[in-house]
Protein backbone atom coordinates (compact mmCIF):
# COMPACT_ATOMS: atom_id res chain seq x y z
CA UNK A 1 0.00 0.00 0.00
CA UNK A 2 1.10 3.56 -0.59
CA UNK A 3 1.67 6.56 1.68
CA UNK A 4 3.43 4.50 4.34
CA UNK A 5 0.35 2.52 5.39
CA UNK A 6 1.19 -1.16 5.13
CA UNK A 7 -2.11 -2.94 5.88
CA UNK A 8 -5.81 -2.60 5.15
CA UNK A 9 -6.43 -1.98 8.83
CA UNK A 10 -4.47 1.26 8.47
CA UNK A 11 -6.78 2.68 5.76
CA UNK A 12 -8.79 4.76 8.29
CA UNK A 13 -5.50 6.35 9.39
CA UNK A 14 -4.77 7.25 5.77
CA UNK A 15 -8.19 8.82 5.36
CA UNK A 16 -7.71 10.90 8.51
CA UNK A 17 -4.46 12.30 7.09
CA UNK A 18 -6.58 13.76 4.28
CA UNK A 19 -9.79 14.74 6.08
CA UNK A 20 -8.57 17.40 8.48
CA UNK A 21 -9.97 20.79 9.43
CA UNK A 22 -9.05 23.17 6.64
CA UNK A 23 -8.77 20.61 3.83
CA UNK A 24 -10.14 22.25 0.66
CA UNK A 25 -13.33 20.79 -0.87
CA UNK A 26 -14.03 20.85 -4.62
CA UNK A 27 -17.23 20.20 -6.56
CA UNK A 28 -16.82 18.86 -10.07
CA UNK A 29 -20.49 18.78 -11.06
CA UNK A 30 -21.64 15.63 -12.75
CA UNK A 31 -24.32 13.19 -11.70
CA UNK A 32 -27.80 14.19 -10.63
CA UNK A 33 -28.07 10.85 -8.79
CA UNK A 34 -25.18 11.51 -6.42
CA UNK A 35 -23.85 14.62 -4.70
CA UNK A 36 -20.10 14.07 -4.57
CA UNK A 37 -17.23 16.32 -3.61
CA UNK A 38 -13.46 15.94 -3.62
CA UNK A 39 -11.39 16.73 -0.51
CA UNK A 40 -7.76 17.31 -1.49
CA UNK A 41 -4.82 17.66 0.90
CA UNK A 42 -1.70 18.30 -1.17
CA UNK A 43 0.60 16.56 1.30
CA UNK A 44 -1.53 13.42 1.67
CA UNK A 45 -4.03 12.62 -1.09
CA UNK A 46 -7.67 12.87 -2.09
CA UNK A 47 -10.95 11.57 -0.69
CA UNK A 48 -14.15 11.44 -2.69
CA UNK A 49 -17.16 12.01 -0.44
CA UNK A 50 -20.83 11.40 -1.24
CA UNK A 51 -23.84 12.98 0.46
CA UNK A 52 -26.38 10.39 1.62
CA UNK A 53 -29.58 10.50 3.63
CA UNK A 54 -29.67 8.13 6.58
CA UNK A 55 -32.40 8.09 9.23
CA UNK A 56 -33.68 11.49 8.07
CA UNK A 57 -30.20 13.01 8.39
CA UNK A 58 -27.65 13.96 5.77
CA UNK A 59 -24.26 12.29 6.19
CA UNK A 60 -21.07 12.28 4.14
CA UNK A 61 -19.87 8.83 3.12
CA UNK A 62 -16.30 8.13 1.96
CA UNK A 63 -16.40 6.65 -1.55
CA UNK A 64 -12.65 6.26 -2.07
CA UNK A 65 -9.26 7.69 -1.11
CA UNK A 66 -6.13 7.79 -3.24
CA UNK A 67 -2.71 9.41 -3.43
CA UNK A 68 -3.43 11.85 -6.27
CA UNK A 69 -3.52 15.50 -5.22
CA UNK A 70 -4.72 17.37 -8.31
CA UNK A 71 -8.07 19.04 -7.56
CA UNK A 72 -10.85 19.05 -10.15
CA UNK A 73 -13.82 21.40 -10.20
CA UNK A 74 -14.66 24.53 -8.28
CA UNK A 75 -13.53 25.06 -4.69
CA UNK A 76 -16.69 25.22 -2.58
CA UNK A 77 -15.24 25.36 0.92
CA UNK A 78 -13.02 23.73 3.49
CA UNK A 79 -13.60 20.98 6.03
CA UNK A 80 -14.88 22.50 9.25
CA UNK A 81 -14.73 21.20 12.78
CA UNK A 82 -17.76 19.01 13.45
CA UNK A 83 -20.06 19.60 16.38
CA UNK A 84 -20.30 16.70 18.81
CA UNK A 85 -23.73 15.02 18.51
PDB file of N, CA and C in Angstrom:
ATOM      1  N   UNK A   1       0.842  -1.181   0.000  1.00  0.00           N
ATOM      2  CA  UNK A   1       0.000   0.000   0.000  1.00  0.00           C
ATOM      3  C   UNK A   1       0.885   1.242   0.000  1.00  0.00           C
ATOM      4  N   UNK A   2       0.332   2.332  -0.454  1.00  0.00           N
ATOM      5  CA  UNK A   2       1.096   3.558  -0.587  1.00  0.00           C
ATOM      6  C   UNK A   2       1.000   4.412   0.670  1.00  0.00           C
ATOM      7  N   UNK A   3       1.710   5.532   0.639  1.00  0.00           N
ATOM      8  CA  UNK A   3       1.670   6.565   1.683  1.00  0.00           C
ATOM      9  C   UNK A   3       2.127   6.060   3.047  1.00  0.00           C
ATOM     10  N   UNK A   4       2.887   4.976   3.084  1.00  0.00           N
ATOM     11  CA  UNK A   4       3.432   4.501   4.343  1.00  0.00           C
ATOM     12  C   UNK A   4       2.475   3.674   5.180  1.00  0.00           C
ATOM     13  N   UNK A   5       1.304   3.345   4.658  1.00  0.00           N
ATOM     14  CA  UNK A   5       0.346   2.521   5.386  1.00  0.00           C
ATOM     15  C   UNK A   5       0.433   1.118   4.806  1.00  0.00           C
ATOM     16  N   UNK A   6       0.846   0.160   5.625  1.00  0.00           N
ATOM     17  CA  UNK A   6       1.185  -1.165   5.131  1.00  0.00           C
ATOM     18  C   UNK A   6       0.075  -2.196   5.123  1.00  0.00           C
ATOM     19  N   UNK A   7      -1.046  -1.945   5.814  1.00  0.00           N
ATOM     20  CA  UNK A   7      -2.114  -2.941   5.881  1.00  0.00           C
ATOM     21  C   UNK A   7      -3.466  -2.277   5.664  1.00  0.00           C
ATOM     22  N   UNK A   8      -4.452  -3.113   5.339  1.00  0.00           N
ATOM     23  CA  UNK A   8      -5.811  -2.596   5.147  1.00  0.00           C
ATOM     24  C   UNK A   8      -6.369  -1.997   6.427  1.00  0.00           C
ATOM     25  N   UNK A   9      -5.945  -2.499   7.553  1.00  0.00           N
ATOM     26  CA  UNK A   9      -6.427  -1.982   8.834  1.00  0.00           C
ATOM     27  C   UNK A   9      -5.999  -0.525   9.054  1.00  0.00           C
ATOM     28  N   UNK A  10      -4.973  -0.104   8.332  1.00  0.00           N
ATOM     29  CA  UNK A  10      -4.468   1.261   8.468  1.00  0.00           C
ATOM     30  C   UNK A  10      -5.159   2.264   7.533  1.00  0.00           C
ATOM     31  N   UNK A  11      -6.081   1.789   6.702  1.00  0.00           N
ATOM     32  CA  UNK A  11      -6.776   2.681   5.765  1.00  0.00           C
ATOM     33  C   UNK A  11      -7.477   3.838   6.484  1.00  0.00           C
ATOM     34  N   UNK A  12      -8.187   3.609   7.597  1.00  0.00           N
ATOM     35  CA  UNK A  12      -8.791   4.758   8.290  1.00  0.00           C
ATOM     36  C   UNK A  12      -7.759   5.814   8.699  1.00  0.00           C
ATOM     37  N   UNK A  13      -6.552   5.390   9.061  1.00  0.00           N
ATOM     38  CA  UNK A  13      -5.498   6.349   9.393  1.00  0.00           C
ATOM     39  C   UNK A  13      -5.109   7.178   8.174  1.00  0.00           C
ATOM     40  N   UNK A  14      -5.073   6.532   7.008  1.00  0.00           N
ATOM     41  CA  UNK A  14      -4.765   7.254   5.773  1.00  0.00           C
ATOM     42  C   UNK A  14      -5.842   8.296   5.481  1.00  0.00           C
ATOM     43  N   UNK A  15      -7.086   7.898   5.613  1.00  0.00           N
ATOM     44  CA  UNK A  15      -8.190   8.822   5.357  1.00  0.00           C
ATOM     45  C   UNK A  15      -8.125  10.015   6.309  1.00  0.00           C
ATOM     46  N   UNK A  16      -7.779   9.783   7.564  1.00  0.00           N
ATOM     47  CA  UNK A  16      -7.710  10.903   8.511  1.00  0.00           C
ATOM     48  C   UNK A  16      -6.544  11.838   8.233  1.00  0.00           C
ATOM     49  N   UNK A  17      -5.519  11.376   7.482  1.00  0.00           N
ATOM     50  CA  UNK A  17      -4.455  12.297   7.088  1.00  0.00           C
ATOM     51  C   UNK A  17      -4.943  13.266   6.021  1.00  0.00           C
ATOM     52  N   UNK A  18      -6.002  12.903   5.315  1.00  0.00           N
ATOM     53  CA  UNK A  18      -6.576  13.759   4.283  1.00  0.00           C
ATOM     54  C   UNK A  18      -7.692  14.639   4.847  1.00  0.00           C
ATOM     55  N   UNK A  19      -8.607  14.030   5.593  1.00  0.00           N
ATOM     56  CA  UNK A  19      -9.790  14.740   6.083  1.00  0.00           C
ATOM     57  C   UNK A  19      -9.499  15.435   7.408  1.00  0.00           C
ATOM     58  N   UNK A  20      -8.905  16.592   7.309  1.00  0.00           N
ATOM     59  CA  UNK A  20      -8.569  17.404   8.478  1.00  0.00           C
ATOM     60  C   UNK A  20      -9.240  18.771   8.344  1.00  0.00           C
ATOM     61  N   UNK A  21      -9.428  19.439   9.462  1.00  0.00           N
ATOM     62  CA  UNK A  21      -9.974  20.795   9.433  1.00  0.00           C
ATOM     63  C   UNK A  21      -9.105  21.637   8.506  1.00  0.00           C
ATOM     64  N   UNK A  22      -9.756  22.319   7.580  1.00  0.00           N
ATOM     65  CA  UNK A  22      -9.050  23.173   6.643  1.00  0.00           C
ATOM     66  C   UNK A  22      -8.799  22.563   5.280  1.00  0.00           C
ATOM     67  N   UNK A  23      -8.972  21.236   5.137  1.00  0.00           N
ATOM     68  CA  UNK A  23      -8.775  20.608   3.832  1.00  0.00           C
ATOM     69  C   UNK A  23      -9.751  21.205   2.826  1.00  0.00           C
ATOM     70  N   UNK A  24      -9.265  21.675   1.677  1.00  0.00           N
ATOM     71  CA  UNK A  24     -10.145  22.246   0.657  1.00  0.00           C
ATOM     72  C   UNK A  24     -11.090  21.199   0.064  1.00  0.00           C
ATOM     73  N   UNK A  25     -12.304  21.646  -0.269  1.00  0.00           N
ATOM     74  CA  UNK A  25     -13.326  20.790  -0.871  1.00  0.00           C
ATOM     75  C   UNK A  25     -13.684  21.352  -2.238  1.00  0.00           C
ATOM     76  N   UNK A  26     -13.742  20.463  -3.233  1.00  0.00           N
ATOM     77  CA  UNK A  26     -14.029  20.851  -4.618  1.00  0.00           C
ATOM     78  C   UNK A  26     -15.260  20.111  -5.119  1.00  0.00           C
ATOM     79  N   UNK A  27     -16.068  20.803  -5.927  1.00  0.00           N
ATOM     80  CA  UNK A  27     -17.235  20.196  -6.559  1.00  0.00           C
ATOM     81  C   UNK A  27     -17.019  20.196  -8.057  1.00  0.00           C
ATOM     82  N   UNK A  28     -17.104  19.019  -8.649  1.00  0.00           N
ATOM     83  CA  UNK A  28     -16.818  18.865 -10.069  1.00  0.00           C
ATOM     84  C   UNK A  28     -18.088  18.905 -10.918  1.00  0.00           C
ATOM     85  N   UNK A  29     -19.245  18.871 -10.288  1.00  0.00           N
ATOM     86  CA  UNK A  29     -20.485  18.775 -11.057  1.00  0.00           C
ATOM     87  C   UNK A  29     -20.783  17.311 -11.295  1.00  0.00           C
ATOM     88  N   UNK A  30     -21.436  17.032 -12.388  1.00  0.00           N
ATOM     89  CA  UNK A  30     -21.635  15.633 -12.749  1.00  0.00           C
ATOM     90  C   UNK A  30     -23.017  15.115 -12.468  1.00  0.00           C
ATOM     91  N   UNK A  31     -23.105  13.978 -11.842  1.00  0.00           N
ATOM     92  CA  UNK A  31     -24.320  13.190 -11.702  1.00  0.00           C
ATOM     93  C   UNK A  31     -25.417  13.896 -10.910  1.00  0.00           C
ATOM     94  N   UNK A  32     -26.645  13.715 -11.397  1.00  0.00           N
ATOM     95  CA  UNK A  32     -27.798  14.190 -10.631  1.00  0.00           C
ATOM     96  C   UNK A  32     -28.222  13.155  -9.598  1.00  0.00           C
ATOM     97  N   UNK A  33     -27.742  11.918  -9.729  1.00  0.00           N
ATOM     98  CA  UNK A  33     -28.074  10.855  -8.791  1.00  0.00           C
ATOM     99  C   UNK A  33     -27.300  10.987  -7.482  1.00  0.00           C
ATOM    100  N   UNK A  34     -26.060  11.473  -7.583  1.00  0.00           N
ATOM    101  CA  UNK A  34     -25.179  11.510  -6.418  1.00  0.00           C
ATOM    102  C   UNK A  34     -24.604  12.913  -6.246  1.00  0.00           C
ATOM    103  N   UNK A  35     -24.549  13.368  -5.007  1.00  0.00           N
ATOM    104  CA  UNK A  35     -23.850  14.616  -4.702  1.00  0.00           C
ATOM    105  C   UNK A  35     -22.485  14.243  -4.159  1.00  0.00           C
ATOM    106  N   UNK A  36     -21.460  14.441  -4.971  1.00  0.00           N
ATOM    107  CA  UNK A  36     -20.101  14.067  -4.569  1.00  0.00           C
ATOM    108  C   UNK A  36     -19.186  15.277  -4.598  1.00  0.00           C
ATOM    109  N   UNK A  37     -18.254  15.293  -3.653  1.00  0.00           N
ATOM    110  CA  UNK A  37     -17.229  16.325  -3.609  1.00  0.00           C
ATOM    111  C   UNK A  37     -15.879  15.652  -3.446  1.00  0.00           C
ATOM    112  N   UNK A  38     -14.830  16.415  -3.697  1.00  0.00           N
ATOM    113  CA  UNK A  38     -13.463  15.940  -3.618  1.00  0.00           C
ATOM    114  C   UNK A  38     -12.737  16.751  -2.543  1.00  0.00           C
ATOM    115  N   UNK A  39     -12.204  16.076  -1.538  1.00  0.00           N
ATOM    116  CA  UNK A  39     -11.394  16.731  -0.510  1.00  0.00           C
ATOM    117  C   UNK A  39      -9.937  16.437  -0.832  1.00  0.00           C
ATOM    118  N   UNK A  40      -9.135  17.489  -1.042  1.00  0.00           N
ATOM    119  CA  UNK A  40      -7.757  17.309  -1.490  1.00  0.00           C
ATOM    120  C   UNK A  40      -6.791  17.952  -0.512  1.00  0.00           C
ATOM    121  N   UNK A  41      -5.900  17.158   0.048  1.00  0.00           N
ATOM    122  CA  UNK A  41      -4.821  17.662   0.903  1.00  0.00           C
ATOM    123  C   UNK A  41      -3.531  17.388   0.149  1.00  0.00           C
ATOM    124  N   UNK A  42      -2.857  18.446  -0.274  1.00  0.00           N
ATOM    125  CA  UNK A  42      -1.700  18.303  -1.169  1.00  0.00           C
ATOM    126  C   UNK A  42      -0.589  17.436  -0.592  1.00  0.00           C
ATOM    127  N   UNK A  43      -0.470  17.368   0.712  1.00  0.00           N
ATOM    128  CA  UNK A  43       0.598  16.563   1.303  1.00  0.00           C
ATOM    129  C   UNK A  43       0.199  15.106   1.535  1.00  0.00           C
ATOM    130  N   UNK A  44      -1.089  14.760   1.313  1.00  0.00           N
ATOM    131  CA  UNK A  44      -1.529  13.416   1.667  1.00  0.00           C
ATOM    132  C   UNK A  44      -2.282  12.676   0.561  1.00  0.00           C
ATOM    133  N   UNK A  45      -3.233  13.309  -0.084  1.00  0.00           N
ATOM    134  CA  UNK A  45      -4.028  12.618  -1.093  1.00  0.00           C
ATOM    135  C   UNK A  45      -5.404  13.222  -1.236  1.00  0.00           C
ATOM    136  N   UNK A  46      -6.312  12.423  -1.777  1.00  0.00           N
ATOM    137  CA  UNK A  46      -7.666  12.873  -2.090  1.00  0.00           C
ATOM    138  C   UNK A  46      -8.684  11.877  -1.562  1.00  0.00           C
ATOM    139  N   UNK A  47      -9.789  12.384  -1.046  1.00  0.00           N
ATOM    140  CA  UNK A  47     -10.952  11.567  -0.688  1.00  0.00           C
ATOM    141  C   UNK A  47     -12.134  12.051  -1.502  1.00  0.00           C
ATOM    142  N   UNK A  48     -12.892  11.115  -2.038  1.00  0.00           N
ATOM    143  CA  UNK A  48     -14.151  11.439  -2.692  1.00  0.00           C
ATOM    144  C   UNK A  48     -15.244  11.137  -1.677  1.00  0.00           C
ATOM    145  N   UNK A  49     -16.086  12.128  -1.428  1.00  0.00           N
ATOM    146  CA  UNK A  49     -17.161  12.013  -0.444  1.00  0.00           C
ATOM    147  C   UNK A  49     -18.501  12.123  -1.146  1.00  0.00           C
ATOM    148  N   UNK A  50     -19.498  11.381  -0.655  1.00  0.00           N
ATOM    149  CA  UNK A  50     -20.833  11.405  -1.242  1.00  0.00           C
ATOM    150  C   UNK A  50     -21.857  11.706  -0.163  1.00  0.00           C
ATOM    151  N   UNK A  51     -22.773  12.618  -0.471  1.00  0.00           N
ATOM    152  CA  UNK A  51     -23.844  12.976   0.461  1.00  0.00           C
ATOM    153  C   UNK A  51     -24.940  11.919   0.378  1.00  0.00           C
ATOM    154  N   UNK A  52     -25.321  11.394   1.550  1.00  0.00           N
ATOM    155  CA  UNK A  52     -26.381  10.386   1.622  1.00  0.00           C
ATOM    156  C   UNK A  52     -27.352  10.759   2.729  1.00  0.00           C
ATOM    157  N   UNK A  53     -28.584  10.299   2.575  1.00  0.00           N
ATOM    158  CA  UNK A  53     -29.576  10.497   3.632  1.00  0.00           C
ATOM    159  C   UNK A  53     -29.702   9.201   4.411  1.00  0.00           C
ATOM    160  N   UNK A  54     -29.584   9.307   5.726  1.00  0.00           N
ATOM    161  CA  UNK A  54     -29.674   8.133   6.582  1.00  0.00           C
ATOM    162  C   UNK A  54     -30.449   8.510   7.831  1.00  0.00           C
ATOM    163  N   UNK A  55     -31.546   7.813   8.064  1.00  0.00           N
ATOM    164  CA  UNK A  55     -32.399   8.088   9.234  1.00  0.00           C
ATOM    165  C   UNK A  55     -32.783   9.563   9.301  1.00  0.00           C
ATOM    166  N   UNK A  56     -33.230  10.099   8.180  1.00  0.00           N
ATOM    167  CA  UNK A  56     -33.680  11.493   8.071  1.00  0.00           C
ATOM    168  C   UNK A  56     -32.583  12.511   8.362  1.00  0.00           C
ATOM    169  N   UNK A  57     -31.322  12.095   8.225  1.00  0.00           N
ATOM    170  CA  UNK A  57     -30.199  13.008   8.393  1.00  0.00           C
ATOM    171  C   UNK A  57     -29.298  12.897   7.176  1.00  0.00           C
ATOM    172  N   UNK A  58     -28.650  13.989   6.832  1.00  0.00           N
ATOM    173  CA  UNK A  58     -27.655  13.956   5.766  1.00  0.00           C
ATOM    174  C   UNK A  58     -26.300  13.623   6.366  1.00  0.00           C
ATOM    175  N   UNK A  59     -25.607  12.668   5.748  1.00  0.00           N
ATOM    176  CA  UNK A  59     -24.261  12.290   6.188  1.00  0.00           C
ATOM    177  C   UNK A  59     -23.349  12.258   4.963  1.00  0.00           C
ATOM    178  N   UNK A  60     -22.062  12.404   5.203  1.00  0.00           N
ATOM    179  CA  UNK A  60     -21.074  12.280   4.139  1.00  0.00           C
ATOM    180  C   UNK A  60     -20.419  10.924   4.268  1.00  0.00           C
ATOM    181  N   UNK A  61     -20.450  10.159   3.182  1.00  0.00           N
ATOM    182  CA  UNK A  61     -19.870   8.829   3.123  1.00  0.00           C
ATOM    183  C   UNK A  61     -18.592   8.886   2.288  1.00  0.00           C
ATOM    184  N   UNK A  62     -17.551   8.181   2.712  1.00  0.00           N
ATOM    185  CA  UNK A  62     -16.303   8.129   1.958  1.00  0.00           C
ATOM    186  C   UNK A  62     -16.458   7.092   0.850  1.00  0.00           C
ATOM    187  N   UNK A  63     -16.299   7.540  -0.391  1.00  0.00           N
ATOM    188  CA  UNK A  63     -16.401   6.653  -1.548  1.00  0.00           C
ATOM    189  C   UNK A  63     -15.056   5.989  -1.809  1.00  0.00           C
ATOM    190  N   UNK A  64     -13.987   6.783  -1.822  1.00  0.00           N
ATOM    191  CA  UNK A  64     -12.648   6.261  -2.068  1.00  0.00           C
ATOM    192  C   UNK A  64     -11.620   7.269  -1.585  1.00  0.00           C
ATOM    193  N   UNK A  65     -10.399   6.819  -1.442  1.00  0.00           N
ATOM    194  CA  UNK A  65      -9.265   7.689  -1.112  1.00  0.00           C
ATOM    195  C   UNK A  65      -8.079   7.202  -1.933  1.00  0.00           C
ATOM    196  N   UNK A  66      -7.282   8.157  -2.416  1.00  0.00           N
ATOM    197  CA  UNK A  66      -6.135   7.788  -3.237  1.00  0.00           C
ATOM    198  C   UNK A  66      -5.052   8.847  -3.125  1.00  0.00           C
ATOM    199  N   UNK A  67      -3.868   8.549  -3.639  1.00  0.00           N
ATOM    200  CA  UNK A  67      -2.707   9.405  -3.427  1.00  0.00           C
ATOM    201  C   UNK A  67      -2.650  10.633  -4.329  1.00  0.00           C
ATOM    202  N   UNK A  68      -3.450  10.688  -5.380  1.00  0.00           N
ATOM    203  CA  UNK A  68      -3.434  11.854  -6.266  1.00  0.00           C
ATOM    204  C   UNK A  68      -3.837  13.126  -5.539  1.00  0.00           C
ATOM    205  N   UNK A  69      -3.233  14.243  -5.926  1.00  0.00           N
ATOM    206  CA  UNK A  69      -3.524  15.500  -5.218  1.00  0.00           C
ATOM    207  C   UNK A  69      -3.883  16.638  -6.168  1.00  0.00           C
ATOM    208  N   UNK A  70      -4.332  16.319  -7.371  1.00  0.00           N
ATOM    209  CA  UNK A  70      -4.723  17.366  -8.310  1.00  0.00           C
ATOM    210  C   UNK A  70      -6.232  17.599  -8.184  1.00  0.00           C
ATOM    211  N   UNK A  71      -6.641  18.774  -7.721  1.00  0.00           N
ATOM    212  CA  UNK A  71      -8.072  19.035  -7.562  1.00  0.00           C
ATOM    213  C   UNK A  71      -8.760  19.226  -8.910  1.00  0.00           C
ATOM    214  N   UNK A  72     -10.022  18.860  -8.960  1.00  0.00           N
ATOM    215  CA  UNK A  72     -10.854  19.051 -10.146  1.00  0.00           C
ATOM    216  C   UNK A  72     -12.119  19.771  -9.706  1.00  0.00           C
ATOM    217  N   UNK A  73     -12.584  20.705 -10.509  1.00  0.00           N
ATOM    218  CA  UNK A  73     -13.816  21.397 -10.202  1.00  0.00           C
ATOM    219  C   UNK A  73     -13.581  22.725  -9.520  1.00  0.00           C
ATOM    220  N   UNK A  74     -14.641  23.215  -8.916  1.00  0.00           N
ATOM    221  CA  UNK A  74     -14.659  24.525  -8.275  1.00  0.00           C
ATOM    222  C   UNK A  74     -14.527  24.345  -6.765  1.00  0.00           C
ATOM    223  N   UNK A  75     -13.655  25.122  -6.154  1.00  0.00           N
ATOM    224  CA  UNK A  75     -13.533  25.060  -4.695  1.00  0.00           C
ATOM    225  C   UNK A  75     -14.815  25.606  -4.078  1.00  0.00           C
ATOM    226  N   UNK A  76     -15.433  24.810  -3.201  1.00  0.00           N
ATOM    227  CA  UNK A  76     -16.693  25.218  -2.585  1.00  0.00           C
ATOM    228  C   UNK A  76     -16.576  25.410  -1.070  1.00  0.00           C
ATOM    229  N   UNK A  77     -15.407  25.159  -0.515  1.00  0.00           N
ATOM    230  CA  UNK A  77     -15.236  25.365   0.922  1.00  0.00           C
ATOM    231  C   UNK A  77     -14.052  24.591   1.453  1.00  0.00           C
ATOM    232  N   UNK A  78     -14.051  24.469   2.777  1.00  0.00           N
ATOM    233  CA  UNK A  78     -13.022  23.729   3.491  1.00  0.00           C
ATOM    234  C   UNK A  78     -13.704  22.887   4.562  1.00  0.00           C
ATOM    235  N   UNK A  79     -13.062  21.805   4.955  1.00  0.00           N
ATOM    236  CA  UNK A  79     -13.601  20.984   6.034  1.00  0.00           C
ATOM    237  C   UNK A  79     -13.584  21.800   7.310  1.00  0.00           C
ATOM    238  N   UNK A  80     -14.717  21.772   7.997  1.00  0.00           N
ATOM    239  CA  UNK A  80     -14.877  22.504   9.251  1.00  0.00           C
ATOM    240  C   UNK A  80     -14.899  21.520  10.419  1.00  0.00           C
ATOM    241  N   UNK A  81     -14.644  22.021  11.582  1.00  0.00           N
ATOM    242  CA  UNK A  81     -14.734  21.203  12.781  1.00  0.00           C
ATOM    243  C   UNK A  81     -16.188  20.787  12.983  1.00  0.00           C
ATOM    244  N   UNK A  82     -16.405  19.520  13.259  1.00  0.00           N
ATOM    245  CA  UNK A  82     -17.760  19.007  13.454  1.00  0.00           C
ATOM    246  C   UNK A  82     -18.204  19.217  14.904  1.00  0.00           C
ATOM    247  N   UNK A  83     -19.476  19.501  15.046  1.00  0.00           N
ATOM    248  CA  UNK A  83     -20.057  19.595  16.384  1.00  0.00           C
ATOM    249  C   UNK A  83     -20.265  18.186  16.920  1.00  0.00           C
ATOM    250  N   UNK A  84     -20.079  17.999  18.192  1.00  0.00           N
ATOM    251  CA  UNK A  84     -20.304  16.697  18.809  1.00  0.00           C
ATOM    252  C   UNK A  84     -21.801  16.475  18.924  1.00  0.00           C
ATOM    253  N   UNK A  85     -22.267  15.275  18.469  1.00  0.00           N
ATOM    254  CA  UNK A  85     -23.732  15.018  18.510  1.00  0.00           C
ATOM    255  C   UNK A  85     -24.279  14.943  19.910  1.00  0.00           C
TER     256      UNK A  85
END
